[in-house]
C-alpha atoms as a PDB file:
ATOM      1  CA  MET A   1     -26.834   6.905  52.169  1.00  0.00           C
ATOM      2  CA  ASP A   2     -24.715   9.564  50.491  1.00  0.00           C
ATOM      3  CA  ALA A   3     -24.535   9.505  46.702  1.00  0.00           C
ATOM      4  CA  GLN A   4     -21.227   8.302  45.338  1.00  0.00           C
ATOM      5  CA  VAL A   5     -19.007  11.183  44.220  1.00  0.00           C
ATOM      6  CA  THR A   6     -17.192  10.656  40.966  1.00  0.00           C
ATOM      7  CA  GLU A   7     -13.567  11.759  41.183  1.00  0.00           C
ATOM      8  CA  PRO A   8     -12.568  14.206  38.424  1.00  0.00           C
ATOM      9  CA  PHE A   9     -10.544  12.654  35.625  1.00  0.00           C
ATOM     10  CA  THR A  10      -7.335  14.626  36.079  1.00  0.00           C
ATOM     11  CA  GLU A  11      -3.780  13.704  35.135  1.00  0.00           C
ATOM     12  CA  GLN A  12      -3.130  12.706  38.750  1.00  0.00           C
ATOM     13  CA  ARG A  13      -6.221  10.495  38.807  1.00  0.00           C
ATOM     14  CA  ALA A  14      -5.233   8.882  35.507  1.00  0.00           C
ATOM     15  CA  ARG A  15      -1.724   8.156  36.770  1.00  0.00           C
ATOM     16  CA  GLY A  16      -3.204   6.474  39.817  1.00  0.00           C
ATOM     17  CA  LEU A  17      -5.409   4.324  37.603  1.00  0.00           C
ATOM     18  CA  LEU A  18      -2.436   3.401  35.425  1.00  0.00           C
ATOM     19  CA  ALA A  19      -0.563   2.253  38.518  1.00  0.00           C
ATOM     20  CA  ALA A  20      -3.607   0.326  39.750  1.00  0.00           C
ATOM     21  CA  ALA A  21      -3.855  -1.489  36.417  1.00  0.00           C
ATOM     22  CA  GLY A  22      -0.474  -3.117  37.050  1.00  0.00           C
ATOM     23  CA  ALA A  23       0.714  -2.218  33.575  1.00  0.00           C
ATOM     24  CA  PRO A  24       4.436  -2.605  32.794  1.00  0.00           C
ATOM     25  CA  LEU A  25       4.711   1.162  32.474  1.00  0.00           C
ATOM     26  CA  PRO A  26       6.066   3.323  35.333  1.00  0.00           C
ATOM     27  CA  ALA A  27       3.039   5.477  36.148  1.00  0.00           C
ATOM     28  CA  ALA A  28       4.994   8.117  38.047  1.00  0.00           C
ATOM     29  CA  GLU A  29       7.532   8.736  35.260  1.00  0.00           C
ATOM     30  CA  ALA A  30       5.340   8.116  32.189  1.00  0.00           C
ATOM     31  CA  GLU A  31       4.968  11.011  29.754  1.00  0.00           C
ATOM     32  CA  LEU A  32       1.408  12.330  29.360  1.00  0.00           C
ATOM     33  CA  LEU A  33       0.709  12.643  25.645  1.00  0.00           C
ATOM     34  CA  SER A  34      -2.931  13.744  25.813  1.00  0.00           C
ATOM     35  CA  LEU A  35      -5.865  14.022  28.214  1.00  0.00           C
ATOM     36  CA  GLY A  36      -9.370  13.742  26.774  1.00  0.00           C
ATOM     37  CA  GLU A  37     -11.752  10.807  26.713  1.00  0.00           C
ATOM     38  CA  ASN A  38      -8.567   8.840  27.353  1.00  0.00           C
ATOM     39  CA  ALA A  39      -5.417   9.763  29.197  1.00  0.00           C
ATOM     40  CA  VAL A  40      -2.565   8.599  26.973  1.00  0.00           C
ATOM     41  CA  PHE A  41       0.809   7.910  28.569  1.00  0.00           C
ATOM     42  CA  ALA A  42       4.102   6.789  27.041  1.00  0.00           C
ATOM     43  CA  GLY A  43       7.079   5.112  28.656  1.00  0.00           C
ATOM     44  CA  GLY A  44       9.814   2.964  27.168  1.00  0.00           C
ATOM     45  CA  GLY A  45       8.419   1.120  24.175  1.00  0.00           C
ATOM     46  CA  LEU A  46       4.796   1.242  25.357  1.00  0.00           C
ATOM     47  CA  VAL A  47       1.805   3.556  25.247  1.00  0.00           C
ATOM     48  CA  ALA A  48      -1.087   3.193  27.713  1.00  0.00           C
ATOM     49  CA  LYS A  49      -4.607   4.504  27.180  1.00  0.00           C
ATOM     50  CA  VAL A  50      -6.640   5.021  30.347  1.00  0.00           C
ATOM     51  CA  GLY A  51     -10.361   5.499  29.690  1.00  0.00           C
ATOM     52  CA  ARG A  52     -12.213   8.375  31.326  1.00  0.00           C
ATOM     53  CA  ASP A  53     -15.044   6.145  32.589  1.00  0.00           C
ATOM     54  CA  ALA A  54     -16.434   2.618  32.610  1.00  0.00           C
ATOM     55  CA  SER A  55     -18.659   3.247  29.591  1.00  0.00           C
ATOM     56  CA  LEU A  56     -15.556   3.116  27.386  1.00  0.00           C
ATOM     57  CA  HIS A  57     -14.787  -0.546  28.177  1.00  0.00           C
ATOM     58  CA  GLU A  58     -16.651  -1.887  25.159  1.00  0.00           C
ATOM     59  CA  ARG A  59     -15.051   0.620  22.818  1.00  0.00           C
ATOM     60  CA  ALA A  60     -11.586  -0.154  24.196  1.00  0.00           C
ATOM     61  CA  ALA A  61     -12.101  -3.884  23.620  1.00  0.00           C
ATOM     62  CA  ARG A  62     -13.341  -3.220  20.090  1.00  0.00           C
ATOM     63  CA  GLU A  63     -10.329  -1.040  19.329  1.00  0.00           C
ATOM     64  CA  LEU A  64      -8.021  -3.925  20.289  1.00  0.00           C
ATOM     65  CA  ARG A  65      -9.945  -6.250  17.948  1.00  0.00           C
ATOM     66  CA  ILE A  66      -9.736  -3.687  15.170  1.00  0.00           C
ATOM     67  CA  ALA A  67      -5.973  -3.392  15.629  1.00  0.00           C
ATOM     68  CA  ALA A  68      -5.561  -7.175  15.414  1.00  0.00           C
ATOM     69  CA  TRP A  69      -7.808  -7.319  12.347  1.00  0.00           C
ATOM     70  CA  LEU A  70      -5.870  -4.565  10.558  1.00  0.00           C
ATOM     71  CA  ALA A  71      -2.639  -6.408  11.332  1.00  0.00           C
ATOM     72  CA  GLU A  72      -4.061  -9.589   9.787  1.00  0.00           C
ATOM     73  CA  CYS A  73      -5.104  -7.590   6.710  1.00  0.00           C
ATOM     74  CA  GLY A  74      -1.684  -5.977   6.339  1.00  0.00           C
ATOM     75  CA  VAL A  75      -2.894  -2.412   6.886  1.00  0.00           C
ATOM     76  CA  PRO A  76      -0.171  -0.245   8.490  1.00  0.00           C
ATOM     77  CA  ALA A  77      -1.707   0.777  11.800  1.00  0.00           C
ATOM     78  CA  VAL A  78      -0.830   1.075  15.456  1.00  0.00           C
ATOM     79  CA  ARG A  79      -0.432  -2.350  17.079  1.00  0.00           C
ATOM     80  CA  ALA A  80      -1.636  -3.472  20.496  1.00  0.00           C
ATOM     81  CA  ALA A  81       0.895  -4.778  22.998  1.00  0.00           C
ATOM     82  CA  GLU A  82      -1.773  -6.845  24.770  1.00  0.00           C
ATOM     83  CA  SER A  83      -4.952  -8.407  23.431  1.00  0.00           C
ATOM     84  CA  GLY A  84      -7.078  -7.724  26.502  1.00  0.00           C
ATOM     85  CA  VAL A  85      -8.382  -4.723  28.414  1.00  0.00           C
ATOM     86  CA  ARG A  86      -7.048  -4.185  31.929  1.00  0.00           C
ATOM     87  CA  ASP A  87      -9.417  -2.812  34.553  1.00  0.00           C
ATOM     88  CA  ALA A  88      -8.526  -0.128  37.061  1.00  0.00           C
ATOM     89  CA  ASP A  89     -11.345   0.816  39.413  1.00  0.00           C
ATOM     90  CA  GLY A  90     -13.807   0.417  36.555  1.00  0.00           C
ATOM     91  CA  HIS A  91     -11.708   2.302  34.010  1.00  0.00           C
ATOM     92  CA  PRO A  92     -10.410   0.467  30.913  1.00  0.00           C
ATOM     93  CA  VAL A  93      -6.652   0.460  30.319  1.00  0.00           C
ATOM     94  CA  THR A  94      -5.103  -0.784  27.075  1.00  0.00           C
ATOM     95  CA  LEU A  95      -1.447  -1.142  26.085  1.00  0.00           C
ATOM     96  CA  TRP A  96       0.069  -0.372  22.686  1.00  0.00           C
ATOM     97  CA  HIS A  97       3.452  -0.553  21.033  1.00  0.00           C
ATOM     98  CA  ARG A  98       4.991   2.886  20.875  1.00  0.00           C
ATOM     99  CA  LEU A  99       5.595   4.158  17.368  1.00  0.00           C
ATOM    100  CA  PRO A 100       9.047   5.453  16.399  1.00  0.00           C
ATOM    101  CA  ARG A 101       9.551   9.196  16.226  1.00  0.00           C
ATOM    102  CA  ALA A 102       7.795  10.805  13.265  1.00  0.00           C
ATOM    103  CA  VAL A 103      10.075  11.757  10.395  1.00  0.00           C
ATOM    104  CA  ARG A 104       7.717  14.468   9.106  1.00  0.00           C
ATOM    105  CA  PRO A 105       4.118  15.682   9.517  1.00  0.00           C
ATOM    106  CA  ALA A 106       1.421  13.670   7.750  1.00  0.00           C
ATOM    107  CA  ALA A 107      -0.065  15.136   4.575  1.00  0.00           C
ATOM    108  CA  PRO A 108      -3.537  14.582   3.092  1.00  0.00           C
ATOM    109  CA  ALA A 109      -2.054  12.318   0.399  1.00  0.00           C
ATOM    110  CA  ASP A 110      -0.643  10.033   3.131  1.00  0.00           C
ATOM    111  CA  LEU A 111      -4.123   9.725   4.584  1.00  0.00           C
ATOM    112  CA  ALA A 112      -5.600   8.975   1.159  1.00  0.00           C
ATOM    113  CA  GLY A 113      -3.255   6.038   0.634  1.00  0.00           C
ATOM    114  CA  LEU A 114      -4.295   4.474   3.938  1.00  0.00           C
ATOM    115  CA  LEU A 115      -7.989   5.084   3.230  1.00  0.00           C
ATOM    116  CA  ARG A 116      -7.656   3.214  -0.063  1.00  0.00           C
ATOM    117  CA  LEU A 117      -6.450   0.195   1.919  1.00  0.00           C
ATOM    118  CA  VAL A 118      -9.189   0.473   4.541  1.00  0.00           C
ATOM    119  CA  HIS A 119     -11.919   0.984   1.938  1.00  0.00           C
ATOM    120  CA  ALA A 120     -10.826  -2.154   0.109  1.00  0.00           C
ATOM    121  CA  LEU A 121     -11.437  -4.310   3.196  1.00  0.00           C
ATOM    122  CA  PRO A 122     -14.498  -6.537   3.591  1.00  0.00           C
ATOM    123  CA  GLU A 123     -16.452  -6.595   6.834  1.00  0.00           C
ATOM    124  CA  PRO A 124     -14.512  -8.178   9.726  1.00  0.00           C
ATOM    125  CA  ASP A 125     -15.799 -11.242  11.575  1.00  0.00           C
ATOM    126  CA  PHE A 126     -16.963  -9.047  14.451  1.00  0.00           C
ATOM    127  CA  ALA A 127     -19.542  -6.279  14.518  1.00  0.00           C
ATOM    128  CA  LEU A 128     -18.569  -2.700  13.798  1.00  0.00           C
ATOM    129  CA  PRO A 129     -20.969   0.087  14.820  1.00  0.00           C
ATOM    130  CA  ARG A 130     -22.576   2.475  12.371  1.00  0.00           C
ATOM    131  CA  ARG A 131     -20.968   5.887  11.900  1.00  0.00           C
ATOM    132  CA  GLU A 132     -23.361   7.853  14.085  1.00  0.00           C
ATOM    133  CA  LEU A 133     -22.143  11.284  13.057  1.00  0.00           C
ATOM    134  CA  LEU A 134     -25.060  13.176  14.585  1.00  0.00           C
ATOM    135  CA  SER A 135     -25.539  11.110  17.741  1.00  0.00           C
ATOM    136  CA  GLY A 136     -23.713  13.552  20.020  1.00  0.00           C
ATOM    137  CA  VAL A 137     -25.570  16.695  18.957  1.00  0.00           C
ATOM    138  CA  GLU A 138     -28.182  16.631  21.723  1.00  0.00           C
ATOM    139  CA  ARG A 139     -25.631  15.951  24.469  1.00  0.00           C
ATOM    140  CA  TRP A 140     -23.332  18.753  23.262  1.00  0.00           C
ATOM    141  CA  LEU A 141     -26.187  21.240  23.070  1.00  0.00           C
ATOM    142  CA  ARG A 142     -27.333  20.357  26.572  1.00  0.00           C
ATOM    143  CA  LEU A 143     -23.800  20.842  27.876  1.00  0.00           C
ATOM    144  CA  ALA A 144     -23.812  24.291  26.264  1.00  0.00           C
ATOM    145  CA  GLY A 145     -26.847  25.247  28.333  1.00  0.00           C
ATOM    146  CA  ASP A 146     -27.585  28.964  28.552  1.00  0.00           C
ATOM    147  CA  ALA A 147     -24.243  29.903  26.998  1.00  0.00           C
ATOM    148  CA  ILE A 148     -25.829  29.726  23.539  1.00  0.00           C
ATOM    149  CA  ASP A 149     -29.025  31.181  22.123  1.00  0.00           C
ATOM    150  CA  PRO A 150     -31.873  28.640  22.513  1.00  0.00           C
ATOM    151  CA  ALA A 151     -32.983  29.534  18.982  1.00  0.00           C
ATOM    152  CA  ASP A 152     -29.574  28.421  17.671  1.00  0.00           C
ATOM    153  CA  ALA A 153     -29.855  25.146  19.574  1.00  0.00           C
ATOM    154  CA  ASP A 154     -33.303  24.525  18.090  1.00  0.00           C
ATOM    155  CA  TYR A 155     -31.966  25.389  14.644  1.00  0.00           C
ATOM    156  CA  LEU A 156     -29.217  22.783  14.962  1.00  0.00           C
ATOM    157  CA  ARG A 157     -31.666  20.165  16.208  1.00  0.00           C
ATOM    158  CA  GLU A 158     -33.834  20.813  13.156  1.00  0.00           C
ATOM    159  CA  ARG A 159     -30.796  20.512  10.874  1.00  0.00           C
ATOM    160  CA  ARG A 160     -29.778  17.292  12.639  1.00  0.00           C
ATOM    161  CA  ASP A 161     -33.145  15.690  12.041  1.00  0.00           C
ATOM    162  CA  GLY A 162     -33.271  16.796   8.428  1.00  0.00           C
ATOM    163  CA  PHE A 163     -29.792  15.621   7.543  1.00  0.00           C
ATOM    164  CA  ALA A 164     -30.222  12.333   9.423  1.00  0.00           C
ATOM    165  CA  ALA A 165     -33.247  11.542   7.274  1.00  0.00           C
ATOM    166  CA  ALA A 166     -31.522  12.686   4.091  1.00  0.00           C
ATOM    167  CA  ALA A 167     -28.382  10.655   4.828  1.00  0.00           C
ATOM    168  CA  ALA A 168     -30.461   7.508   5.389  1.00  0.00           C
ATOM    169  CA  ALA A 169     -31.866   7.883   1.881  1.00  0.00           C
ATOM    170  CA  LEU A 170     -28.538   8.363   0.069  1.00  0.00           C
ATOM    171  CA  THR A 171     -27.386   6.100  -2.744  1.00  0.00           C
ATOM    172  CA  PRO A 172     -23.615   5.678  -2.311  1.00  0.00           C
ATOM    173  CA  ARG A 173     -21.117   5.715  -5.148  1.00  0.00           C
ATOM    174  CA  LEU A 174     -18.727   3.445  -3.254  1.00  0.00           C
ATOM    175  CA  THR A 175     -19.485   0.051  -1.731  1.00  0.00           C
ATOM    176  CA  PRO A 176     -20.348   0.566   1.969  1.00  0.00           C
ATOM    177  CA  GLY A 177     -18.111  -1.090   4.537  1.00  0.00           C
ATOM    178  CA  PRO A 178     -15.397  -0.342   7.101  1.00  0.00           C
ATOM    179  CA  VAL A 179     -14.429   3.308   7.529  1.00  0.00           C
ATOM    180  CA  HIS A 180     -11.951   5.018   9.830  1.00  0.00           C
ATOM    181  CA  GLY A 181     -14.557   7.494  11.032  1.00  0.00           C
ATOM    182  CA  ASP A 182     -12.218  10.423  11.798  1.00  0.00           C
ATOM    183  CA  ALA A 183     -10.200  10.619   8.598  1.00  0.00           C
ATOM    184  CA  LEU A 184      -7.798  13.497   9.160  1.00  0.00           C
ATOM    185  CA  PRO A 185      -4.007  13.723   8.717  1.00  0.00           C
ATOM    186  CA  ARG A 186      -3.654  14.123  12.501  1.00  0.00           C
ATOM    187  CA  ASN A 187      -4.593  10.430  12.731  1.00  0.00           C
ATOM    188  CA  VAL A 188      -1.686   9.379  10.526  1.00  0.00           C
ATOM    189  CA  HIS A 189       1.850   8.912  11.849  1.00  0.00           C
ATOM    190  CA  ILE A 190       4.767   9.058   9.424  1.00  0.00           C
ATOM    191  CA  GLY A 191       7.486   6.768  10.729  1.00  0.00           C
ATOM    192  CA  PRO A 192      10.686   5.600   9.044  1.00  0.00           C
ATOM    193  CA  ASP A 193       8.726   2.854   7.241  1.00  0.00           C
ATOM    194  CA  GLY A 194       5.972   5.154   5.974  1.00  0.00           C
ATOM    195  CA  PRO A 195       2.434   6.195   6.995  1.00  0.00           C
ATOM    196  CA  VAL A 196       0.697   4.391   9.865  1.00  0.00           C
ATOM    197  CA  LEU A 197      -2.951   4.774  10.835  1.00  0.00           C
ATOM    198  CA  VAL A 198      -3.611   5.675  14.473  1.00  0.00           C
ATOM    199  CA  ASP A 199      -6.660   6.334  16.681  1.00  0.00           C
ATOM    200  CA  LEU A 200      -8.801   3.332  15.764  1.00  0.00           C
ATOM    201  CA  GLU A 201     -11.637   4.081  18.211  1.00  0.00           C
ATOM    202  CA  THR A 202     -13.874   5.637  15.559  1.00  0.00           C
ATOM    203  CA  PHE A 203     -13.805   2.686  13.135  1.00  0.00           C
ATOM    204  CA  ALA A 204     -17.298   1.901  11.906  1.00  0.00           C
ATOM    205  CA  THR A 205     -19.171   0.368   8.999  1.00  0.00           C
ATOM    206  CA  ASP A 206     -21.076   2.800   6.816  1.00  0.00           C
ATOM    207  CA  LEU A 207     -20.827   4.817   3.622  1.00  0.00           C
ATOM    208  CA  ARG A 208     -17.166   5.087   2.615  1.00  0.00           C
ATOM    209  CA  GLU A 209     -17.953   8.624   1.512  1.00  0.00           C
ATOM    210  CA  HIS A 210     -18.006   9.649   5.206  1.00  0.00           C
ATOM    211  CA  ASP A 211     -14.209   9.394   5.275  1.00  0.00           C
ATOM    212  CA  LEU A 212     -13.804  11.495   2.133  1.00  0.00           C
ATOM    213  CA  VAL A 213     -16.177  14.340   3.008  1.00  0.00           C
ATOM    214  CA  VAL A 214     -13.943  15.201   5.973  1.00  0.00           C
ATOM    215  CA  MET A 215     -11.145  16.441   3.712  1.00  0.00           C
ATOM    216  CA  ALA A 216     -13.535  18.179   1.324  1.00  0.00           C
ATOM    217  CA  LEU A 217     -14.861  20.134   4.292  1.00  0.00           C
ATOM    218  CA  SER A 218     -11.290  20.865   5.421  1.00  0.00           C
ATOM    219  CA  ARG A 219     -10.675  22.466   2.032  1.00  0.00           C
ATOM    220  CA  ASP A 220     -13.837  24.543   2.007  1.00  0.00           C
ATOM    221  CA  ARG A 221     -14.171  25.540   5.669  1.00  0.00           C
ATOM    222  CA  TYR A 222     -10.787  25.239   7.363  1.00  0.00           C
ATOM    223  CA  GLY A 223      -8.406  26.558   4.745  1.00  0.00           C
ATOM    224  CA  LEU A 224      -6.737  23.377   3.526  1.00  0.00           C
ATOM    225  CA  ASP A 225      -4.485  24.231   0.578  1.00  0.00           C
ATOM    226  CA  PRO A 226      -6.344  23.302  -2.646  1.00  0.00           C
ATOM    227  CA  ASP A 227      -3.140  21.687  -3.934  1.00  0.00           C
ATOM    228  CA  ALA A 228      -3.025  19.447  -0.857  1.00  0.00           C
ATOM    229  CA  TYR A 229      -6.656  18.508  -1.447  1.00  0.00           C
ATOM    230  CA  HIS A 230      -5.872  17.755  -5.094  1.00  0.00           C
ATOM    231  CA  ALA A 231      -3.052  15.449  -3.943  1.00  0.00           C
ATOM    232  CA  PHE A 232      -5.510  13.704  -1.630  1.00  0.00           C
ATOM    233  CA  VAL A 233      -7.987  13.192  -4.475  1.00  0.00           C
ATOM    234  CA  HIS A 234      -5.261  12.053  -6.886  1.00  0.00           C
ATOM    235  CA  THR A 235      -3.926   9.471  -4.426  1.00  0.00           C
ATOM    236  CA  TYR A 236      -7.357   8.156  -3.480  1.00  0.00           C
ATOM    237  CA  GLY A 237      -8.563   8.143  -7.084  1.00  0.00           C
ATOM    238  CA  TRP A 238     -11.901   9.942  -6.759  1.00  0.00           C
ATOM    239  CA  ASP A 239     -13.245  13.322  -5.635  1.00  0.00           C
ATOM    240  CA  VAL A 240     -16.259  12.892  -3.350  1.00  0.00           C
ATOM    241  CA  ARG A 241     -17.477  16.343  -4.421  1.00  0.00           C
ATOM    242  CA  GLU A 242     -18.528  14.755  -7.739  1.00  0.00           C
ATOM    243  CA  TRP A 243     -21.118  12.693  -5.842  1.00  0.00           C
ATOM    244  CA  GLU A 244     -24.626  14.086  -5.529  1.00  0.00           C
ATOM    245  CA  GLY A 245     -24.793  13.015  -1.886  1.00  0.00           C
ATOM    246  CA  CYS A 246     -21.747  15.020  -0.849  1.00  0.00           C
ATOM    247  CA  ALA A 247     -23.781  18.059   0.235  1.00  0.00           C
ATOM    248  CA  VAL A 248     -25.857  15.892   2.585  1.00  0.00           C
ATOM    249  CA  LEU A 249     -22.902  14.360   4.406  1.00  0.00           C
ATOM    250  CA  ARG A 250     -21.165  17.730   4.460  1.00  0.00           C
ATOM    251  CA  GLY A 251     -24.253  19.341   6.013  1.00  0.00           C
ATOM    252  CA  ALA A 252     -24.462  16.605   8.614  1.00  0.00           C
ATOM    253  CA  ARG A 253     -20.816  17.026   9.540  1.00  0.00           C
ATOM    254  CA  GLU A 254     -21.129  20.817   9.725  1.00  0.00           C
ATOM    255  CA  THR A 255     -24.115  20.437  12.042  1.00  0.00           C
ATOM    256  CA  ALA A 256     -22.208  18.073  14.320  1.00  0.00           C
ATOM    257  CA  SER A 257     -19.158  20.363  14.309  1.00  0.00           C
ATOM    258  CA  CYS A 258     -21.246  23.354  15.406  1.00  0.00           C
ATOM    259  CA  ALA A 259     -22.813  21.414  18.261  1.00  0.00           C
ATOM    260  CA  TRP A 260     -19.408  20.060  19.324  1.00  0.00           C
ATOM    261  CA  VAL A 261     -18.048  23.594  19.721  1.00  0.00           C
ATOM    262  CA  ALA A 262     -21.187  24.624  21.637  1.00  0.00           C
ATOM    263  CA  GLN A 263     -20.323  22.350  24.577  1.00  0.00           C
ATOM    264  CA  HIS A 264     -17.189  24.451  25.189  1.00  0.00           C
ATOM    265  CA  ALA A 265     -19.057  27.774  25.170  1.00  0.00           C
ATOM    266  CA  PRO A 266     -19.792  27.984  28.923  1.00  0.00           C
ATOM    267  CA  GLY A 267     -16.940  30.020  30.380  1.00  0.00           C
ATOM    268  CA  ASN A 268     -15.030  30.132  27.080  1.00  0.00           C
ATOM    269  CA  PRO A 269     -15.591  33.319  25.045  1.00  0.00           C
ATOM    270  CA  ALA A 270     -13.493  32.017  22.126  1.00  0.00           C
ATOM    271  CA  ALA A 271     -15.711  28.942  21.811  1.00  0.00           C
ATOM    272  CA  ARG A 272     -18.841  31.071  22.008  1.00  0.00           C
ATOM    273  CA  ALA A 273     -17.521  33.356  19.243  1.00  0.00           C
ATOM    274  CA  GLU A 274     -16.634  30.396  17.036  1.00  0.00           C
ATOM    275  CA  PHE A 275     -20.034  28.824  17.623  1.00  0.00           C
ATOM    276  CA  ASP A 276     -21.760  32.062  16.636  1.00  0.00           C
ATOM    277  CA  ARG A 277     -19.595  32.324  13.500  1.00  0.00           C
ATOM    278  CA  ARG A 278     -20.429  28.787  12.417  1.00  0.00           C
ATOM    279  CA  VAL A 279     -24.162  29.010  13.039  1.00  0.00           C
ATOM    280  CA  ALA A 280     -24.403  32.368  11.284  1.00  0.00           C
ATOM    281  CA  SER A 281     -22.700  30.950   8.196  1.00  0.00           C
ATOM    282  CA  LEU A 282     -25.143  28.035   8.134  1.00  0.00           C
ATOM    283  CA  ARG A 283     -28.150  30.312   8.569  1.00  0.00           C
ATOM    284  CA  ASP A 284     -26.850  32.542   5.764  1.00  0.00           C
ATOM    285  CA  GLY A 285     -26.240  29.546   3.520  1.00  0.00           C
ATOM    286  CA  ASP A 286     -22.653  30.694   2.942  1.00  0.00           C
ATOM    287  CA  PRO A 287     -20.403  27.640   2.390  1.00  0.00           C
ATOM    288  CA  ALA A 288     -17.222  29.712   2.077  1.00  0.00           C
ATOM    289  CA  VAL A 289     -17.071  31.340   5.537  1.00  0.00           C
ATOM    290  CA  ARG A 290     -13.818  30.197   7.144  1.00  0.00           C
ATOM    291  CA  TRP A 291     -14.190  28.209  10.350  1.00  0.00           C
ATOM    292  CA  HIS A 292     -11.391  28.088  12.879  1.00  0.00           C
ATOM    293  CA  PRO A 293     -10.260  24.714  14.244  1.00  0.00           C
ATOM    294  CA  PHE A 294     -11.185  24.392  17.920  1.00  0.00           C
END
C-alpha cells in the first residue's frame, strides 16, 4: 500500500479547508491575513484560523477556552465567535470576531498595561501548559541540517541544557501564574476602545518574568528605543533587569531565537548570515551585538 502523501499547506489548500469546515465565511473571497502554523482569513465581521495540521486541535480548543476565560475576567482580548473547534479533513478551524481597524500601532507601554492585567489573574479552572521556551530547539536544529556548522548546533544544544537546568532552579520575584508567552507589541491591537490582546495560543502558566524578559531583550538586541522600554517599565511598575534571574531567562530566550533562525537557513542566505551573527555574539559573550528581526 502506498504511503499517504500529505498535501502542502498552501493558501489554496487552506481555502479549501475553510470551505469544507462550513464556516459562515466565504472561502473564495476571504482576505488572507497570514499563513504560518495557521492560515488566518478575514471576511465580513469574522476571522477564521485554519490549523496547519491535526496536531493543533488541542491548542485550538485551549485558545478558545482562554478567550472565554479572559472575557469572564474582563481582560481586553480577542473574542471567539464560536465556542467549539470545527474540523476540516483533520485540520482545526476556529472562528473569531473581527477587530475594528487599528487607530495606531501598539507601543510597549500598551503591552505593559495588558500584562499587568494578565499577571494579576489566578490560575483558570482548566490546565495551562508550562512555558516550554526551549522545547523547539532540537526540532529547529534538525530542520537546519547541513546548512549550519554542526559545532554551532552542538553549542546551542549545550546552552539549551544548561539554561534549562538553571531556569528550573530560579527563585522568582513575581508570583508564578498565567503568562501570555509571546509578549510583544505585535500581539496588541489598538482599536477605538484601547489596547486589545491578540494571539492567545502561547498562553501558559510559569514565571511571570518570562513575559518581561522579552522586552528587555528587544531593548538590548533588537534596537528598541530605550525611552520606549522605560515607558514599558513605568507602566508595568517593575524592571525585570533588576532581578538576579534575568540573565538566565534572557540566555534561554537567546538560545531559542538562534535555533529558530537556523531552521530557515537551508536555501536562505540571509537566514544563514543572521544565524552566524547570533551564534558568534553568544560565543564571544557580547550582549550588545545587534540582532536583526527575522
